[in-house]
Amino acid sequence: MKIQILGSGCLKCKKLAEAAEIAAKELQLDYEIEKITDINQILAFGVMITPALAVDGVVKVSGKVLNSDEIKGLIL
């Protein structure tokens, strides 16, 4: 599973990445986290507000920092 964090690398993006990693570890998933900071790549996902979370190329949430429990429901 590829978990993608889309954003500029700001504090909110880092918090979302940390929460996603915690969720994936707690679920014992085989995962890879990719941080996408290039604005053109972010726009290609159709994301207009960051941070955003995508799983295997599908955007699950945009403009929010979710906690690990909320992310678990999105990545299963």
PDB file of N, CA and C in Angstrom:
ATOM      1  N   MET A   1       0.850  -1.177   0.000  1.00  0.00           N
ATOM      2  CA  MET A   1       0.000   0.000   0.000  1.00  0.00           C
ATOM      3  C   MET A   1       0.891   1.234   0.000  1.00  0.00           C
ATOM      4  N   LYS A   2       0.525   2.201  -0.829  1.00  0.00           N
ATOM      5  CA  LYS A   2       1.256   3.466  -0.863  1.00  0.00           C
ATOM      6  C   LYS A   2       0.371   4.548  -0.257  1.00  0.00           C
ATOM      7  N   ILE A   3       0.874   5.158   0.819  1.00  0.00           N
ATOM      8  CA  ILE A   3       0.185   6.265   1.473  1.00  0.00           C
ATOM      9  C   ILE A   3       0.904   7.532   1.044  1.00  0.00           C
ATOM     10  N   GLN A   4       0.163   8.442   0.442  1.00  0.00           N
ATOM     11  CA  GLN A   4       0.756   9.665  -0.083  1.00  0.00           C
ATOM     12  C   GLN A   4       0.252  10.873   0.695  1.00  0.00           C
ATOM     13  N   ILE A   5       1.206  11.694   1.112  1.00  0.00           N
ATOM     14  CA  ILE A   5       0.895  12.944   1.799  1.00  0.00           C
ATOM     15  C   ILE A   5       1.187  14.067   0.808  1.00  0.00           C
ATOM     16  N   LEU A   6       0.176  14.836   0.476  1.00  0.00           N
ATOM     17  CA  LEU A   6       0.306  15.911  -0.489  1.00  0.00           C
ATOM     18  C   LEU A   6       0.295  17.244   0.233  1.00  0.00           C
ATOM     19  N   GLY A   7       1.338  18.037   0.020  1.00  0.00           N
ATOM     20  CA  GLY A   7       1.417  19.346   0.649  1.00  0.00           C
ATOM     21  C   GLY A   7       2.808  19.927   0.553  1.00  0.00           C
ATOM     22  N   SER A   8       2.947  21.114   1.060  1.00  0.00           N
ATOM     23  CA  SER A   8       4.196  21.864   0.924  1.00  0.00           C
ATOM     24  C   SER A   8       5.298  21.404   1.864  1.00  0.00           C
ATOM     25  N   GLY A   9       4.955  20.566   2.822  1.00  0.00           N
ATOM     26  CA  GLY A   9       5.925  20.156   3.824  1.00  0.00           C
ATOM     27  C   GLY A   9       5.785  20.962   5.108  1.00  0.00           C
ATOM     28  N   CYS A  10       4.663  21.638   5.248  1.00  0.00           N
ATOM     29  CA  CYS A  10       4.398  22.476   6.424  1.00  0.00           C
ATOM     30  C   CYS A  10       4.150  21.604   7.660  1.00  0.00           C
ATOM     31  N   LEU A  11       3.957  22.231   8.788  1.00  0.00           N
ATOM     32  CA  LEU A  11       3.725  21.522  10.036  1.00  0.00           C
ATOM     33  C   LEU A  11       2.491  20.615   9.956  1.00  0.00           C
ATOM     34  N   LYS A  12       1.423  21.101   9.331  1.00  0.00           N
ATOM     35  CA  LYS A  12       0.213  20.283   9.194  1.00  0.00           C
ATOM     36  C   LYS A  12       0.482  19.042   8.354  1.00  0.00           C
ATOM     37  N   CYS A  13       1.277  19.190   7.305  1.00  0.00           N
ATOM     38  CA  CYS A  13       1.622  18.054   6.452  1.00  0.00           C
ATOM     39  C   CYS A  13       2.417  17.022   7.245  1.00  0.00           C
ATOM     40  N   LYS A  14       3.337  17.498   8.055  1.00  0.00           N
ATOM     41  CA  LYS A  14       4.158  16.597   8.868  1.00  0.00           C
ATOM     42  C   LYS A  14       3.314  15.863   9.893  1.00  0.00           C
ATOM     43  N   LYS A  15       2.349  16.556  10.500  1.00  0.00           N
ATOM     44  CA  LYS A  15       1.469  15.916  11.478  1.00  0.00           C
ATOM     45  C   LYS A  15       0.601  14.846  10.810  1.00  0.00           C
ATOM     46  N   LEU A  16       0.110  15.134   9.605  1.00  0.00           N
ATOM     47  CA  LEU A  16      -0.694  14.154   8.875  1.00  0.00           C
ATOM     48  C   LEU A  16       0.151  12.930   8.522  1.00  0.00           C
ATOM     49  N   ALA A  17       1.388  13.148   8.109  1.00  0.00           N
ATOM     50  CA  ALA A  17       2.288  12.043   7.781  1.00  0.00           C
ATOM     51  C   ALA A  17       2.565  11.186   9.017  1.00  0.00           C
ATOM     52  N   GLU A  18       2.797  11.819  10.144  1.00  0.00           N
ATOM     53  CA  GLU A  18       3.049  11.080  11.390  1.00  0.00           C
ATOM     54  C   GLU A  18       1.829  10.250  11.785  1.00  0.00           C
ATOM     55  N   ALA A  19       0.657  10.828  11.686  1.00  0.00           N
ATOM     56  CA  ALA A  19      -0.572  10.114  12.048  1.00  0.00           C
ATOM     57  C   ALA A  19      -0.812   8.946  11.092  1.00  0.00           C
ATOM     58  N   ALA A  20      -0.527   9.132   9.812  1.00  0.00           N
ATOM     59  CA  ALA A  20      -0.705   8.065   8.825  1.00  0.00           C
ATOM     60  C   ALA A  20       0.249   6.910   9.110  1.00  0.00           C
ATOM     61  N   GLU A  21       1.473   7.242   9.484  1.00  0.00           N
ATOM     62  CA  GLU A  21       2.449   6.197   9.793  1.00  0.00           C
ATOM     63  C   GLU A  21       2.034   5.424  11.046  1.00  0.00           C
ATOM     64  N   ILE A  22       1.554   6.116  12.050  1.00  0.00           N
ATOM     65  CA  ILE A  22       1.079   5.441  13.264  1.00  0.00           C
ATOM     66  C   ILE A  22      -0.080   4.505  12.919  1.00  0.00           C
ATOM     67  N   ALA A  23      -1.027   4.982  12.126  1.00  0.00           N
ATOM     68  CA  ALA A  23      -2.185   4.166  11.750  1.00  0.00           C
ATOM     69  C   ALA A  23      -1.755   2.916  10.995  1.00  0.00           C
ATOM     70  N   ALA A  24      -0.859   3.070  10.035  1.00  0.00           N
ATOM     71  CA  ALA A  24      -0.408   1.931   9.238  1.00  0.00           C
ATOM     72  C   ALA A  24       0.347   0.919  10.103  1.00  0.00           C
ATOM     73  N   LYS A  25       1.163   1.409  11.020  1.00  0.00           N
ATOM     74  CA  LYS A  25       1.898   0.497  11.913  1.00  0.00           C
ATOM     75  C   LYS A  25       0.950  -0.244  12.843  1.00  0.00           C
ATOM     76  N   GLU A  26      -0.017   0.469  13.399  1.00  0.00           N
ATOM     77  CA  GLU A  26      -0.961  -0.169  14.315  1.00  0.00           C
ATOM     78  C   GLU A  26      -1.810  -1.218  13.612  1.00  0.00           C
ATOM     79  N   LEU A  27      -2.088  -1.006  12.327  1.00  0.00           N
ATOM     80  CA  LEU A  27      -2.859  -1.976  11.545  1.00  0.00           C
ATOM     81  C   LEU A  27      -1.959  -3.069  10.964  1.00  0.00           C
ATOM     82  N   GLN A  28      -0.659  -2.958  11.202  1.00  0.00           N
ATOM     83  CA  GLN A  28       0.340  -3.907  10.713  1.00  0.00           C
ATOM     84  C   GLN A  28       0.256  -4.087   9.193  1.00  0.00           C
ATOM     85  N   LEU A  29       0.162  -2.967   8.490  1.00  0.00           N
ATOM     86  CA  LEU A  29       0.083  -2.990   7.037  1.00  0.00           C
ATOM     87  C   LEU A  29       1.473  -2.978   6.421  1.00  0.00           C
ATOM     88  N   ASP A  30       1.559  -3.518   5.222  1.00  0.00           N
ATOM     89  CA  ASP A  30       2.767  -3.391   4.421  1.00  0.00           C
ATOM     90  C   ASP A  30       2.576  -2.091   3.634  1.00  0.00           C
ATOM     91  N   TYR A  31       3.318  -1.049   3.997  1.00  0.00           N
ATOM     92  CA  TYR A  31       3.044   0.266   3.437  1.00  0.00           C
ATOM     93  C   TYR A  31       4.335   1.008   3.098  1.00  0.00           C
ATOM     94  N   GLU A  32       4.146   2.046   2.297  1.00  0.00           N
ATOM     95  CA  GLU A  32       5.212   2.994   1.959  1.00  0.00           C
ATOM     96  C   GLU A  32       4.583   4.375   2.048  1.00  0.00           C
ATOM     97  N   ILE A  33       5.294   5.310   2.676  1.00  0.00           N
ATOM     98  CA  ILE A  33       4.792   6.686   2.730  1.00  0.00           C
ATOM     99  C   ILE A  33       5.581   7.528   1.746  1.00  0.00           C
ATOM    100  N   GLU A  34       4.847   8.224   0.897  1.00  0.00           N
ATOM    101  CA  GLU A  34       5.446   9.115  -0.094  1.00  0.00           C
ATOM    102  C   GLU A  34       4.953  10.528   0.183  1.00  0.00           C
ATOM    103  N   LYS A  35       5.875  11.457   0.275  1.00  0.00           N
ATOM    104  CA  LYS A  35       5.511  12.860   0.487  1.00  0.00           C
ATOM    105  C   LYS A  35       5.639  13.585  -0.849  1.00  0.00           C
ATOM    106  N   ILE A  36       4.554  14.160  -1.295  1.00  0.00           N
ATOM    107  CA  ILE A  36       4.514  14.865  -2.571  1.00  0.00           C
ATOM    108  C   ILE A  36       4.401  16.358  -2.296  1.00  0.00           C
ATOM    109  N   THR A  37       5.433  17.099  -2.681  1.00  0.00           N
ATOM    110  CA  THR A  37       5.460  18.539  -2.421  1.00  0.00           C
ATOM    111  C   THR A  37       5.377  19.372  -3.696  1.00  0.00           C
ATOM    112  N   ASP A  38       5.528  18.736  -4.848  1.00  0.00           N
ATOM    113  CA  ASP A  38       5.479  19.465  -6.121  1.00  0.00           C
ATOM    114  C   ASP A  38       4.047  19.897  -6.420  1.00  0.00           C
ATOM    115  N   ILE A  39       3.846  21.187  -6.588  1.00  0.00           N
ATOM    116  CA  ILE A  39       2.492  21.729  -6.772  1.00  0.00           C
ATOM    117  C   ILE A  39       1.803  21.149  -8.009  1.00  0.00           C
ATOM    118  N   ASN A  40       2.550  20.895  -9.062  1.00  0.00           N
ATOM    119  CA  ASN A  40       1.939  20.331 -10.274  1.00  0.00           C
ATOM    120  C   ASN A  40       1.443  18.909 -10.040  1.00  0.00           C
ATOM    121  N   GLN A  41       2.202  18.133  -9.275  1.00  0.00           N
ATOM    122  CA  GLN A  41       1.756  16.779  -8.943  1.00  0.00           C
ATOM    123  C   GLN A  41       0.532  16.827  -8.033  1.00  0.00           C
ATOM    124  N   ILE A  42       0.533  17.753  -7.090  1.00  0.00           N
ATOM    125  CA  ILE A  42      -0.601  17.897  -6.177  1.00  0.00           C
ATOM    126  C   ILE A  42      -1.857  18.264  -6.966  1.00  0.00           C
ATOM    127  N   LEU A  43      -1.724  19.201  -7.880  1.00  0.00           N
ATOM    128  CA  LEU A  43      -2.869  19.610  -8.709  1.00  0.00           C
ATOM    129  C   LEU A  43      -3.345  18.475  -9.598  1.00  0.00           C
ATOM    130  N   ALA A  44      -2.429  17.614 -10.040  1.00  0.00           N
ATOM    131  CA  ALA A  44      -2.804  16.473 -10.876  1.00  0.00           C
ATOM    132  C   ALA A  44      -3.730  15.505 -10.132  1.00  0.00           C
ATOM    133  N   PHE A  45      -3.640  15.493  -8.811  1.00  0.00           N
ATOM    134  CA  PHE A  45      -4.547  14.688  -7.990  1.00  0.00           C
ATOM    135  C   PHE A  45      -5.915  15.363  -7.856  1.00  0.00           C
ATOM    136  N   GLY A  46      -6.019  16.620  -8.278  1.00  0.00           N
ATOM    137  CA  GLY A  46      -7.257  17.374  -8.127  1.00  0.00           C
ATOM    138  C   GLY A  46      -7.377  18.039  -6.765  1.00  0.00           C
ATOM    139  N   VAL A  47      -6.272  18.104  -6.032  1.00  0.00           N
ATOM    140  CA  VAL A  47      -6.270  18.679  -4.692  1.00  0.00           C
ATOM    141  C   VAL A  47      -6.034  20.183  -4.777  1.00  0.00           C
ATOM    142  N   MET A  48      -6.921  20.936  -4.149  1.00  0.00           N
ATOM    143  CA  MET A  48      -6.806  22.390  -4.134  1.00  0.00           C
ATOM    144  C   MET A  48      -6.439  22.917  -2.746  1.00  0.00           C
ATOM    145  N   ILE A  49      -6.680  22.102  -1.705  1.00  0.00           N
ATOM    146  CA  ILE A  49      -6.378  22.496  -0.331  1.00  0.00           C
ATOM    147  C   ILE A  49      -5.524  21.395   0.299  1.00  0.00           C
ATOM    148  N   THR A  50      -4.394  21.793   0.852  1.00  0.00           N
ATOM    149  CA  THR A  50      -3.525  20.824   1.498  1.00  0.00           C
ATOM    150  C   THR A  50      -3.558  21.037   3.004  1.00  0.00           C
ATOM    151  N   PRO A  51      -3.146  20.087   3.781  1.00  0.00           N
ATOM    152  CA  PRO A  51      -2.589  18.806   3.360  1.00  0.00           C
ATOM    153  C   PRO A  51      -3.679  17.861   2.876  1.00  0.00           C
ATOM    154  N   ALA A  52      -3.252  16.861   2.126  1.00  0.00           N
ATOM    155  CA  ALA A  52      -4.178  15.850   1.635  1.00  0.00           C
ATOM    156  C   ALA A  52      -3.553  14.480   1.841  1.00  0.00           C
ATOM    157  N   LEU A  53      -4.409  13.487   1.948  1.00  0.00           N
ATOM    158  CA  LEU A  53      -3.993  12.109   2.125  1.00  0.00           C
ATOM    159  C   LEU A  53      -4.559  11.290   0.977  1.00  0.00           C
ATOM    160  N   ALA A  54      -3.686  10.569   0.296  1.00  0.00           N
ATOM    161  CA  ALA A  54      -4.114   9.670  -0.776  1.00  0.00           C
ATOM    162  C   ALA A  54      -3.609   8.271  -0.448  1.00  0.00           C
ATOM    163  N   VAL A  55      -4.381   7.281  -0.845  1.00  0.00           N
ATOM    164  CA  VAL A  55      -3.994   5.890  -0.669  1.00  0.00           C
ATOM    165  C   VAL A  55      -4.022   5.234  -2.040  1.00  0.00           C
ATOM    166  N   ASP A  56      -2.863   4.711  -2.445  1.00  0.00           N
ATOM    167  CA  ASP A  56      -2.717   4.089  -3.766  1.00  0.00           C
ATOM    168  C   ASP A  56      -3.244   4.995  -4.874  1.00  0.00           C
ATOM    169  N   GLY A  57      -2.957   6.293  -4.759  1.00  0.00           N
ATOM    170  CA  GLY A  57      -3.307   7.247  -5.808  1.00  0.00           C
ATOM    171  C   GLY A  57      -4.710   7.817  -5.733  1.00  0.00           C
ATOM    172  N   VAL A  58      -5.484   7.408  -4.738  1.00  0.00           N
ATOM    173  CA  VAL A  58      -6.862   7.894  -4.585  1.00  0.00           C
ATOM    174  C   VAL A  58      -6.921   8.824  -3.374  1.00  0.00           C
ATOM    175  N   VAL A  59      -7.333  10.060  -3.610  1.00  0.00           N
ATOM    176  CA  VAL A  59      -7.410  11.045  -2.529  1.00  0.00           C
ATOM    177  C   VAL A  59      -8.538  10.660  -1.580  1.00  0.00           C
ATOM    178  N   LYS A  60      -8.186  10.559  -0.294  1.00  0.00           N
ATOM    179  CA  LYS A  60      -9.165  10.195   0.735  1.00  0.00           C
ATOM    180  C   LYS A  60      -9.656  11.399   1.515  1.00  0.00           C
ATOM    181  N   VAL A  61      -8.789  12.388   1.699  1.00  0.00           N
ATOM    182  CA  VAL A  61      -9.183  13.594   2.441  1.00  0.00           C
ATOM    183  C   VAL A  61      -8.263  14.732   2.031  1.00  0.00           C
ATOM    184  N   SER A  62      -8.808  15.940   2.049  1.00  0.00           N
ATOM    185  CA  SER A  62      -8.039  17.128   1.675  1.00  0.00           C
ATOM    186  C   SER A  62      -8.405  18.272   2.616  1.00  0.00           C
ATOM    187  N   GLY A  63      -7.390  19.041   3.016  1.00  0.00           N
ATOM    188  CA  GLY A  63      -7.616  20.213   3.835  1.00  0.00           C
ATOM    189  C   GLY A  63      -7.812  19.943   5.313  1.00  0.00           C
ATOM    190  N   LYS A  64      -7.486  18.723   5.762  1.00  0.00           N
ATOM    191  CA  LYS A  64      -7.668  18.373   7.167  1.00  0.00           C
ATOM    192  C   LYS A  64      -6.452  17.617   7.674  1.00  0.00           C
ATOM    193  N   VAL A  65      -6.195  17.753   8.953  1.00  0.00           N
ATOM    194  CA  VAL A  65      -5.198  16.929   9.626  1.00  0.00           C
ATOM    195  C   VAL A  65      -5.980  15.942  10.479  1.00  0.00           C
ATOM    196  N   LEU A  66      -5.995  14.703  10.054  1.00  0.00           N
ATOM    197  CA  LEU A  66      -6.714  13.664  10.775  1.00  0.00           C
ATOM    198  C   LEU A  66      -5.805  13.010  11.803  1.00  0.00           C
ATOM    199  N   ASN A  67      -6.410  12.412  12.835  1.00  0.00           N
ATOM    200  CA  ASN A  67      -5.607  11.643  13.779  1.00  0.00           C
ATOM    201  C   ASN A  67      -5.497  10.208  13.275  1.00  0.00           C
ATOM    202  N   SER A  68      -4.689   9.410  13.935  1.00  0.00           N
ATOM    203  CA  SER A  68      -4.426   8.057  13.453  1.00  0.00           C
ATOM    204  C   SER A  68      -5.682   7.188  13.422  1.00  0.00           C
ATOM    205  N   ASP A  69      -6.578   7.360  14.387  1.00  0.00           N
ATOM    206  CA  ASP A  69      -7.812   6.568  14.388  1.00  0.00           C
ATOM    207  C   ASP A  69      -8.698   6.911  13.188  1.00  0.00           C
ATOM    208  N   GLU A  70      -8.773   8.176  12.841  1.00  0.00           N
ATOM    209  CA  GLU A  70      -9.570   8.582  11.676  1.00  0.00           C
ATOM    210  C   GLU A  70      -8.950   8.039  10.393  1.00  0.00           C
ATOM    211  N   ILE A  71      -7.640   8.020  10.332  1.00  0.00           N
ATOM    212  CA  ILE A  71      -6.947   7.527   9.139  1.00  0.00           C
ATOM    213  C   ILE A  71      -7.146   6.025   8.974  1.00  0.00           C
ATOM    214  N   LYS A  72      -7.181   5.303  10.070  1.00  0.00           N
ATOM    215  CA  LYS A  72      -7.388   3.849   9.995  1.00  0.00           C
ATOM    216  C   LYS A  72      -8.641   3.502   9.199  1.00  0.00           C
ATOM    217  N   GLY A  73      -9.702   4.263   9.425  1.00  0.00           N
ATOM    218  CA  GLY A  73     -10.947   4.007   8.705  1.00  0.00           C
ATOM    219  C   GLY A  73     -10.855   4.277   7.220  1.00  0.00           C
ATOM    220  N   LEU A  74      -9.919   5.127   6.835  1.00  0.00           N
ATOM    221  CA  LEU A  74      -9.763   5.477   5.423  1.00  0.00           C
ATOM    222  C   LEU A  74      -8.832   4.539   4.664  1.00  0.00           C
ATOM    223  N   ILE A  75      -7.903   3.914   5.381  1.00  0.00           N
ATOM    224  CA  ILE A  75      -6.900   3.105   4.668  1.00  0.00           C
ATOM    225  C   ILE A  75      -7.203   1.612   4.676  1.00  0.00           C
ATOM    226  N   LEU A  76      -8.252   1.220   5.330  1.00  0.00           N
ATOM    227  CA  LEU A  76      -8.615  -0.199   5.312  1.00  0.00           C
ATOM    228  C   LEU A  76      -9.407  -0.565   4.091  1.00  0.00           C
TER     229      LEU A  76
END
